[in-house]
N, C-alpha and C. Protein backbone atom coordinates (compact mmCIF):
# COMPACT_ATOMS: atom_id res chain seq x y z
N MET A 1 9.38 126.16 80.37
CA MET A 1 8.23 125.48 79.82
C MET A 1 8.18 125.74 78.32
N LEU A 2 7.84 124.73 77.55
CA LEU A 2 7.77 124.88 76.11
C LEU A 2 6.57 125.72 75.72
N SER A 3 6.77 126.58 74.73
CA SER A 3 5.64 127.35 74.22
C SER A 3 4.73 126.42 73.43
N ARG A 4 3.51 126.90 73.14
CA ARG A 4 2.56 126.10 72.36
C ARG A 4 3.16 125.71 71.01
N PHE A 5 3.87 126.66 70.35
CA PHE A 5 4.51 126.37 69.07
C PHE A 5 5.52 125.25 69.23
N ASP A 6 6.35 125.34 70.29
CA ASP A 6 7.37 124.33 70.52
C ASP A 6 6.74 122.96 70.75
N GLN A 7 5.64 122.91 71.53
CA GLN A 7 4.98 121.64 71.80
C GLN A 7 4.43 121.03 70.52
N MET A 8 3.91 121.86 69.64
CA MET A 8 3.32 121.35 68.41
C MET A 8 4.39 120.89 67.44
N THR A 9 5.52 121.55 67.38
CA THR A 9 6.53 121.21 66.40
C THR A 9 7.61 120.29 66.95
N GLY A 10 7.63 120.08 68.27
CA GLY A 10 8.67 119.25 68.87
C GLY A 10 10.02 119.94 68.92
N GLN A 11 10.01 121.27 68.81
CA GLN A 11 11.25 122.03 68.86
C GLN A 11 11.42 122.67 70.23
N ASP A 12 12.67 122.87 70.62
CA ASP A 12 13.00 123.53 71.87
C ASP A 12 13.80 124.78 71.56
N LYS A 13 13.43 125.89 72.18
CA LYS A 13 14.18 127.13 72.06
C LYS A 13 15.27 127.09 73.12
N VAL A 14 16.53 127.25 72.69
CA VAL A 14 17.67 127.13 73.59
C VAL A 14 18.50 128.40 73.52
N LEU A 15 18.87 128.92 74.70
CA LEU A 15 19.74 130.09 74.78
C LEU A 15 21.18 129.65 74.59
N LEU A 16 21.89 130.31 73.71
CA LEU A 16 23.32 130.08 73.52
C LEU A 16 24.07 131.08 74.39
N VAL A 17 25.01 130.60 75.17
CA VAL A 17 25.81 131.48 76.02
C VAL A 17 27.27 131.19 75.75
N HIS A 18 28.01 132.22 75.36
CA HIS A 18 29.44 132.11 75.09
C HIS A 18 30.18 132.27 76.40
N GLY A 19 31.12 131.38 76.69
CA GLY A 19 31.88 131.50 77.93
C GLY A 19 32.89 130.38 78.08
N THR A 20 33.34 130.18 79.33
CA THR A 20 34.40 129.24 79.64
C THR A 20 34.04 128.42 80.87
N TRP A 21 34.40 127.14 80.86
CA TRP A 21 34.24 126.29 82.03
C TRP A 21 35.46 126.45 82.92
N VAL A 22 35.24 126.70 84.22
CA VAL A 22 36.32 126.81 85.20
C VAL A 22 35.93 126.02 86.45
N ARG A 23 36.90 125.80 87.31
CA ARG A 23 36.64 125.14 88.59
C ARG A 23 36.51 126.19 89.68
N ASP A 24 35.53 126.01 90.59
CA ASP A 24 35.39 126.94 91.70
C ASP A 24 36.28 126.49 92.86
N SER A 25 36.17 127.17 93.99
CA SER A 25 37.04 126.87 95.14
C SER A 25 36.81 125.46 95.69
N ASP A 26 35.64 124.87 95.41
CA ASP A 26 35.34 123.50 95.84
C ASP A 26 35.65 122.48 94.74
N GLN A 27 36.34 122.93 93.70
CA GLN A 27 36.72 122.10 92.55
C GLN A 27 35.53 121.60 91.73
N ARG A 28 34.39 122.30 91.82
CA ARG A 28 33.25 121.97 90.98
C ARG A 28 33.34 122.79 89.71
N TRP A 29 32.80 122.26 88.63
CA TRP A 29 32.79 122.97 87.36
C TRP A 29 31.72 124.05 87.39
N ILE A 30 32.12 125.26 87.00
CA ILE A 30 31.23 126.42 86.92
C ILE A 30 31.41 127.02 85.54
N PHE A 31 30.31 127.41 84.92
CA PHE A 31 30.38 128.07 83.62
C PHE A 31 30.42 129.57 83.83
N GLU A 32 31.47 130.22 83.33
CA GLU A 32 31.60 131.67 83.40
C GLU A 32 31.21 132.26 82.06
N PRO A 33 30.04 132.90 81.99
CA PRO A 33 29.63 133.51 80.73
C PRO A 33 30.54 134.67 80.35
N ASP A 34 30.70 134.90 79.08
CA ASP A 34 31.46 136.05 78.58
C ASP A 34 30.58 137.28 78.76
N ILE A 35 30.95 138.14 79.71
CA ILE A 35 30.10 139.29 80.01
C ILE A 35 30.18 140.38 78.96
N THR A 36 31.11 140.25 78.01
CA THR A 36 31.19 141.25 76.95
C THR A 36 30.13 141.00 75.88
N ALA A 37 29.52 139.81 75.89
CA ALA A 37 28.47 139.50 74.92
C ALA A 37 27.25 140.34 75.25
N LYS A 38 26.87 141.21 74.35
CA LYS A 38 25.78 142.15 74.60
C LYS A 38 24.42 141.61 74.16
N VAL A 39 24.41 140.63 73.27
CA VAL A 39 23.16 140.15 72.69
C VAL A 39 22.97 138.68 73.06
N GLU A 40 21.73 138.33 73.40
CA GLU A 40 21.41 136.93 73.65
C GLU A 40 21.03 136.28 72.34
N HIS A 41 21.52 135.08 72.14
CA HIS A 41 21.21 134.33 70.92
C HIS A 41 20.45 133.06 71.29
N PHE A 42 19.35 132.83 70.60
CA PHE A 42 18.57 131.61 70.78
C PHE A 42 18.57 130.84 69.47
N ILE A 43 18.50 129.53 69.58
CA ILE A 43 18.29 128.69 68.41
C ILE A 43 17.20 127.69 68.77
N ARG A 44 16.65 127.05 67.76
CA ARG A 44 15.67 125.99 67.98
C ARG A 44 16.35 124.66 67.66
N ILE A 45 16.22 123.72 68.57
CA ILE A 45 16.74 122.38 68.32
C ILE A 45 15.57 121.40 68.42
N PHE A 46 15.72 120.24 67.79
CA PHE A 46 14.62 119.29 67.74
C PHE A 46 15.15 117.87 67.73
N SER A 47 14.31 116.95 68.14
CA SER A 47 14.67 115.53 68.11
C SER A 47 14.98 115.13 66.68
N GLY A 48 16.03 114.38 66.51
CA GLY A 48 16.44 113.93 65.18
C GLY A 48 17.36 114.92 64.48
N MET A 49 17.63 116.05 65.10
CA MET A 49 18.53 117.04 64.51
C MET A 49 19.93 116.43 64.45
N THR A 50 20.64 116.67 63.36
CA THR A 50 22.00 116.16 63.24
C THR A 50 22.99 117.18 63.79
N MET A 51 24.17 116.70 64.08
CA MET A 51 25.22 117.59 64.59
C MET A 51 25.55 118.66 63.55
N THR A 52 25.54 118.29 62.29
CA THR A 52 25.80 119.25 61.21
C THR A 52 24.74 120.34 61.21
N GLU A 53 23.47 119.96 61.36
CA GLU A 53 22.39 120.95 61.40
C GLU A 53 22.52 121.87 62.62
N LEU A 54 22.89 121.29 63.75
CA LEU A 54 23.06 122.08 64.97
C LEU A 54 24.19 123.09 64.81
N LEU A 55 25.33 122.63 64.33
CA LEU A 55 26.48 123.54 64.15
C LEU A 55 26.15 124.63 63.12
N THR A 56 25.45 124.28 62.07
CA THR A 56 25.05 125.26 61.06
C THR A 56 24.15 126.32 61.68
N SER A 57 23.21 125.89 62.51
CA SER A 57 22.30 126.82 63.19
C SER A 57 23.06 127.77 64.12
N VAL A 58 24.03 127.24 64.86
CA VAL A 58 24.83 128.07 65.77
C VAL A 58 25.67 129.05 64.97
N ARG A 59 26.31 128.56 63.91
CA ARG A 59 27.13 129.45 63.07
C ARG A 59 26.29 130.59 62.46
N GLU A 60 25.08 130.25 62.00
CA GLU A 60 24.21 131.28 61.44
C GLU A 60 23.81 132.30 62.50
N ARG A 61 23.48 131.83 63.70
CA ARG A 61 23.04 132.74 64.76
C ARG A 61 24.16 133.70 65.17
N TYR A 62 25.41 133.20 65.22
CA TYR A 62 26.54 134.05 65.58
C TYR A 62 27.18 134.70 64.36
N GLN A 63 26.64 134.47 63.19
CA GLN A 63 27.14 135.02 61.94
C GLN A 63 28.60 134.66 61.72
N LEU A 64 28.90 133.38 61.90
CA LEU A 64 30.26 132.87 61.68
C LEU A 64 30.30 132.27 60.28
N SER A 65 31.00 132.90 59.37
CA SER A 65 31.05 132.40 58.01
C SER A 65 32.13 131.33 57.84
N SER A 66 33.16 131.40 58.66
CA SER A 66 34.27 130.45 58.54
C SER A 66 33.93 129.15 59.26
N THR A 67 34.19 128.04 58.59
CA THR A 67 34.01 126.74 59.24
C THR A 67 35.30 126.32 59.95
N ASP A 68 36.33 127.18 59.88
CA ASP A 68 37.59 126.87 60.56
C ASP A 68 37.48 127.04 62.07
N ALA A 69 36.58 127.93 62.51
CA ALA A 69 36.41 128.16 63.95
C ALA A 69 35.80 126.91 64.59
N THR A 70 36.44 126.43 65.67
CA THR A 70 35.94 125.26 66.36
C THR A 70 34.87 125.67 67.36
N LEU A 71 33.72 125.03 67.29
CA LEU A 71 32.64 125.29 68.23
C LEU A 71 32.55 124.11 69.20
N LYS A 72 32.46 124.41 70.48
CA LYS A 72 32.26 123.38 71.49
C LYS A 72 30.93 123.68 72.16
N LEU A 73 29.98 122.80 72.00
CA LEU A 73 28.66 122.97 72.58
C LEU A 73 28.57 122.09 73.82
N SER A 74 28.17 122.68 74.93
CA SER A 74 28.15 121.92 76.17
C SER A 74 27.01 122.38 77.07
N TYR A 75 26.75 121.59 78.08
CA TYR A 75 25.78 121.91 79.11
C TYR A 75 26.20 121.15 80.36
N GLN A 76 25.51 121.40 81.45
CA GLN A 76 25.83 120.71 82.69
C GLN A 76 24.53 120.24 83.33
N TYR A 77 24.54 119.02 83.84
CA TYR A 77 23.37 118.53 84.57
C TYR A 77 23.22 119.34 85.85
N PRO A 78 21.99 119.61 86.28
CA PRO A 78 21.80 120.28 87.58
C PRO A 78 22.39 119.42 88.69
N GLU A 79 22.78 120.05 89.78
CA GLU A 79 23.39 119.31 90.89
C GLU A 79 22.49 118.21 91.42
N TRP A 80 21.18 118.44 91.45
CA TRP A 80 20.27 117.44 91.99
C TRP A 80 20.18 116.22 91.07
N VAL A 81 20.60 116.34 89.83
CA VAL A 81 20.64 115.18 88.93
C VAL A 81 21.96 114.43 89.10
N SER A 82 23.06 115.18 89.17
CA SER A 82 24.38 114.54 89.27
C SER A 82 24.59 113.92 90.64
N PHE A 83 24.07 114.55 91.69
CA PHE A 83 24.07 114.03 93.06
C PHE A 83 25.37 113.33 93.45
N GLY A 84 26.49 114.03 93.22
CA GLY A 84 27.79 113.52 93.65
C GLY A 84 28.49 112.63 92.64
N ASP A 85 27.87 112.37 91.49
CA ASP A 85 28.50 111.55 90.45
C ASP A 85 29.47 112.45 89.68
N ALA A 86 30.77 112.22 89.87
CA ALA A 86 31.80 113.09 89.29
C ALA A 86 31.65 113.22 87.77
N GLU A 87 31.27 112.16 87.11
CA GLU A 87 31.14 112.21 85.65
C GLU A 87 29.98 113.12 85.22
N LEU A 88 28.88 113.08 85.97
CA LEU A 88 27.73 113.92 85.63
C LEU A 88 27.93 115.37 86.05
N GLU A 89 28.85 115.62 86.98
CA GLU A 89 29.12 116.99 87.41
C GLU A 89 29.98 117.74 86.39
N MET A 90 30.67 117.01 85.53
CA MET A 90 31.52 117.63 84.52
C MET A 90 30.67 118.22 83.40
N PRO A 91 31.20 119.21 82.68
CA PRO A 91 30.49 119.70 81.50
C PRO A 91 30.25 118.55 80.52
N GLN A 92 29.06 118.51 79.96
CA GLN A 92 28.71 117.49 78.97
C GLN A 92 28.81 118.13 77.59
N TYR A 93 29.60 117.55 76.72
CA TYR A 93 29.79 118.12 75.40
C TYR A 93 28.93 117.40 74.38
N ILE A 94 28.34 118.17 73.49
CA ILE A 94 27.54 117.62 72.40
C ILE A 94 28.46 117.52 71.20
N THR A 95 28.80 116.28 70.83
CA THR A 95 29.74 116.09 69.73
C THR A 95 29.19 115.19 68.63
N GLU A 96 28.06 114.55 68.88
CA GLU A 96 27.48 113.69 67.84
C GLU A 96 25.96 113.72 67.91
N ASP A 97 25.34 113.22 66.85
CA ASP A 97 23.89 113.31 66.70
C ASP A 97 23.12 112.80 67.92
N THR A 98 23.49 111.64 68.46
CA THR A 98 22.73 111.04 69.55
C THR A 98 22.76 111.89 70.82
N GLU A 99 23.83 112.66 71.02
CA GLU A 99 23.95 113.50 72.21
C GLU A 99 22.98 114.67 72.19
N ILE A 100 22.52 115.07 71.00
CA ILE A 100 21.50 116.12 70.91
C ILE A 100 20.21 115.61 71.55
N GLY A 101 19.86 114.36 71.25
CA GLY A 101 18.67 113.75 71.84
C GLY A 101 18.78 113.60 73.35
N VAL A 102 19.97 113.24 73.83
CA VAL A 102 20.19 113.12 75.28
C VAL A 102 19.95 114.48 75.94
N PHE A 103 20.52 115.54 75.37
CA PHE A 103 20.33 116.88 75.90
C PHE A 103 18.85 117.26 75.92
N LEU A 104 18.15 117.02 74.80
CA LEU A 104 16.73 117.38 74.72
C LEU A 104 15.90 116.61 75.75
N ASN A 105 16.16 115.32 75.88
CA ASN A 105 15.41 114.53 76.85
C ASN A 105 15.65 115.00 78.27
N MET A 106 16.90 115.31 78.60
CA MET A 106 17.22 115.82 79.93
C MET A 106 16.51 117.14 80.16
N ARG A 107 16.59 118.03 79.21
CA ARG A 107 15.96 119.35 79.33
C ARG A 107 14.45 119.23 79.49
N ARG A 108 13.81 118.40 78.69
CA ARG A 108 12.36 118.24 78.77
C ARG A 108 11.95 117.60 80.09
N SER A 109 12.74 116.67 80.59
CA SER A 109 12.43 116.04 81.88
C SER A 109 12.51 117.05 83.01
N ILE A 110 13.52 117.90 82.98
CA ILE A 110 13.67 118.93 84.01
C ILE A 110 12.51 119.92 83.93
N GLU A 111 12.12 120.31 82.71
CA GLU A 111 10.99 121.23 82.56
C GLU A 111 9.71 120.61 83.09
N GLU A 112 9.56 119.31 82.91
CA GLU A 112 8.37 118.62 83.42
C GLU A 112 8.36 118.64 84.95
N VAL A 113 9.53 118.41 85.57
CA VAL A 113 9.64 118.43 87.03
C VAL A 113 9.32 119.82 87.55
N TYR A 114 9.82 120.85 86.88
CA TYR A 114 9.65 122.22 87.33
C TYR A 114 8.48 122.93 86.66
N ASN A 115 7.55 122.18 86.11
CA ASN A 115 6.43 122.77 85.38
C ASN A 115 5.68 123.82 86.19
N HIS A 116 5.56 123.62 87.49
CA HIS A 116 4.81 124.55 88.32
C HIS A 116 5.71 125.35 89.25
N ALA A 117 7.00 125.37 88.98
CA ALA A 117 7.94 126.10 89.84
C ALA A 117 7.77 127.60 89.65
N GLN A 118 8.02 128.35 90.71
CA GLN A 118 7.93 129.81 90.67
C GLN A 118 9.06 130.35 89.79
N HIS A 119 8.76 131.40 89.05
CA HIS A 119 9.79 132.05 88.23
C HIS A 119 10.89 132.59 89.13
N VAL A 120 12.13 132.34 88.78
CA VAL A 120 13.25 132.83 89.57
C VAL A 120 14.21 133.62 88.68
N ILE A 121 15.11 134.31 89.30
CA ILE A 121 16.08 135.14 88.58
C ILE A 121 16.97 134.23 87.73
N CYS A 122 17.22 134.65 86.51
CA CYS A 122 18.12 133.91 85.63
C CYS A 122 19.55 134.09 86.15
N VAL A 123 20.20 132.98 86.45
CA VAL A 123 21.53 133.02 87.06
C VAL A 123 22.56 133.65 86.11
N VAL A 124 22.42 133.41 84.83
CA VAL A 124 23.37 134.00 83.88
C VAL A 124 23.29 135.52 83.93
N HIS A 125 22.07 136.07 83.93
CA HIS A 125 21.92 137.52 83.99
C HIS A 125 22.42 138.07 85.32
N LEU A 126 22.11 137.37 86.39
CA LEU A 126 22.56 137.80 87.71
C LEU A 126 24.09 137.75 87.80
N TRP A 127 24.69 136.69 87.21
CA TRP A 127 26.15 136.57 87.18
C TRP A 127 26.75 137.80 86.49
N ARG A 128 26.16 138.16 85.35
CA ARG A 128 26.66 139.33 84.61
C ARG A 128 26.52 140.61 85.44
N ASN A 129 25.38 140.74 86.13
CA ASN A 129 25.17 141.94 86.95
C ASN A 129 26.18 142.04 88.08
N VAL A 130 26.46 140.92 88.75
CA VAL A 130 27.44 140.92 89.84
C VAL A 130 28.83 141.26 89.28
N MET A 131 29.17 140.67 88.13
CA MET A 131 30.47 140.98 87.51
C MET A 131 30.57 142.47 87.18
N ALA A 132 29.53 143.02 86.59
CA ALA A 132 29.55 144.43 86.17
C ALA A 132 29.60 145.36 87.38
N LYS A 133 28.85 145.05 88.41
CA LYS A 133 28.74 145.94 89.57
C LYS A 133 29.92 145.81 90.52
N TYR A 134 30.43 144.57 90.72
CA TYR A 134 31.48 144.34 91.73
C TYR A 134 32.82 143.93 91.14
N LYS A 135 32.89 143.75 89.81
CA LYS A 135 34.15 143.46 89.11
C LYS A 135 34.91 142.28 89.74
N SER A 136 34.16 141.21 90.09
CA SER A 136 34.77 140.08 90.77
C SER A 136 34.19 138.77 90.27
N SER A 137 35.01 138.00 89.57
CA SER A 137 34.53 136.68 89.13
C SER A 137 34.33 135.76 90.32
N ARG A 138 35.12 135.96 91.38
CA ARG A 138 34.94 135.14 92.59
C ARG A 138 33.54 135.34 93.17
N LEU A 139 33.11 136.61 93.31
CA LEU A 139 31.76 136.88 93.82
C LEU A 139 30.69 136.33 92.88
N ALA A 140 30.90 136.53 91.59
CA ALA A 140 29.91 136.04 90.61
C ALA A 140 29.81 134.52 90.67
N ASN A 141 30.95 133.84 90.79
CA ASN A 141 30.94 132.38 90.86
C ASN A 141 30.32 131.88 92.16
N LEU A 142 30.58 132.57 93.26
CA LEU A 142 29.96 132.19 94.54
C LEU A 142 28.45 132.37 94.46
N MET A 143 28.00 133.47 93.85
CA MET A 143 26.57 133.70 93.68
C MET A 143 25.96 132.58 92.85
N SER A 144 26.65 132.20 91.77
CA SER A 144 26.16 131.13 90.92
C SER A 144 26.09 129.80 91.68
N ALA A 145 27.11 129.51 92.45
CA ALA A 145 27.11 128.28 93.26
C ALA A 145 25.99 128.30 94.30
N ALA A 146 25.76 129.45 94.91
CA ALA A 146 24.67 129.57 95.89
C ALA A 146 23.32 129.37 95.22
N ALA A 147 23.16 129.94 94.03
CA ALA A 147 21.89 129.81 93.31
C ALA A 147 21.59 128.37 92.93
N ARG A 148 22.64 127.58 92.71
CA ARG A 148 22.46 126.19 92.31
C ARG A 148 22.57 125.21 93.48
N ALA A 149 22.68 125.74 94.70
CA ALA A 149 22.84 124.88 95.88
C ALA A 149 21.65 123.95 96.04
N PHE A 150 21.94 122.73 96.39
CA PHE A 150 20.89 121.71 96.55
C PHE A 150 20.29 121.75 97.94
N THR A 151 21.04 122.20 98.93
CA THR A 151 20.56 122.25 100.31
C THR A 151 20.68 123.66 100.86
N VAL A 152 19.90 123.95 101.90
CA VAL A 152 19.98 125.25 102.56
C VAL A 152 21.37 125.44 103.18
N THR A 153 21.92 124.38 103.73
CA THR A 153 23.26 124.44 104.34
C THR A 153 24.30 124.85 103.30
N GLU A 154 24.23 124.23 102.14
CA GLU A 154 25.18 124.55 101.07
C GLU A 154 24.99 126.00 100.61
N PHE A 155 23.74 126.43 100.47
CA PHE A 155 23.47 127.81 100.08
C PHE A 155 24.05 128.77 101.12
N ASN A 156 23.76 128.51 102.40
CA ASN A 156 24.24 129.40 103.47
C ASN A 156 25.75 129.50 103.50
N LYS A 157 26.43 128.39 103.25
CA LYS A 157 27.90 128.39 103.22
C LYS A 157 28.41 129.34 102.13
N LYS A 158 27.83 129.26 100.95
CA LYS A 158 28.25 130.13 99.84
C LYS A 158 27.89 131.59 100.12
N PHE A 159 26.70 131.81 100.68
CA PHE A 159 26.27 133.18 100.93
C PHE A 159 27.13 133.83 102.01
N ILE A 160 27.52 133.08 103.02
CA ILE A 160 28.41 133.61 104.05
C ILE A 160 29.75 134.02 103.44
N GLU A 161 30.25 133.22 102.48
CA GLU A 161 31.49 133.59 101.78
C GLU A 161 31.32 134.92 101.05
N ILE A 162 30.16 135.08 100.39
CA ILE A 162 29.88 136.34 99.69
C ILE A 162 29.88 137.50 100.68
N GLN A 163 29.22 137.30 101.84
CA GLN A 163 29.15 138.36 102.85
C GLN A 163 30.54 138.74 103.36
N LYS A 164 31.41 137.75 103.54
CA LYS A 164 32.76 138.03 104.03
C LYS A 164 33.56 138.84 103.01
N ILE A 165 33.42 138.50 101.74
CA ILE A 165 34.17 139.19 100.69
C ILE A 165 33.59 140.58 100.42
N SER A 166 32.25 140.66 100.35
CA SER A 166 31.62 141.94 100.03
C SER A 166 30.23 142.03 100.66
N PRO A 167 30.15 142.66 101.82
CA PRO A 167 28.83 142.86 102.43
C PRO A 167 27.87 143.62 101.50
N ASN A 168 28.43 144.53 100.69
CA ASN A 168 27.58 145.28 99.74
C ASN A 168 26.96 144.36 98.70
N CYS A 169 27.74 143.41 98.19
CA CYS A 169 27.22 142.46 97.21
C CYS A 169 26.14 141.59 97.85
N ALA A 170 26.38 141.13 99.07
CA ALA A 170 25.39 140.31 99.78
C ALA A 170 24.10 141.10 99.96
N ALA A 171 24.21 142.36 100.34
CA ALA A 171 23.03 143.20 100.52
C ALA A 171 22.30 143.40 99.18
N TYR A 172 23.06 143.59 98.11
CA TYR A 172 22.47 143.72 96.77
C TYR A 172 21.66 142.48 96.42
N LEU A 173 22.22 141.31 96.66
CA LEU A 173 21.54 140.06 96.33
C LEU A 173 20.27 139.89 97.17
N VAL A 174 20.32 140.26 98.42
CA VAL A 174 19.14 140.18 99.27
C VAL A 174 18.07 141.17 98.80
N ASP A 175 18.49 142.38 98.45
CA ASP A 175 17.55 143.42 98.04
C ASP A 175 16.82 143.11 96.75
N ILE A 176 17.46 142.42 95.81
CA ILE A 176 16.78 142.15 94.54
C ILE A 176 15.73 141.08 94.68
N GLY A 177 15.81 140.24 95.71
CA GLY A 177 14.78 139.23 95.95
C GLY A 177 14.76 138.16 94.90
N ASP A 178 13.64 137.42 94.83
CA ASP A 178 13.54 136.30 93.87
C ASP A 178 12.30 136.42 92.98
N ASP A 179 11.75 137.61 92.85
CA ASP A 179 10.58 137.79 91.98
C ASP A 179 11.00 138.17 90.59
């Protein structure tokens, strides 16, 4: 949900996460965050922002002085938005000014839908915790896929896989709950 400041200024606070896009066992795209990143970086983006302004903001936040480093900014539509559309399931890259607006509109629409949703565990943080505790990208990716499951059946399928690989990890996930 946007803060009062964000609503008044038309700006959105966005978390930057450094990582890599990979395919899971079902050939779906999953974002694997770089777990060595110790600090979370946020930037503010706004309607009408240019790609140059966005890249400058990201470079400043990460303290990148060289413009030689290539930055790829991307996001993924939630599964309930893509609903089996292969093109929407792929990572979406922001490469030009108009795509910033597309991202903002999608984000604001999702926030409006989930305006009254219960607070849940941040999947990125949970992914990092599973990686640190169980040293398994497979478990972390399965947890991420389960967290984003659109149906109970899909969630149960992923959770059963987690239980088969590591009953301890499954117990850990159950014990932390969703508060």
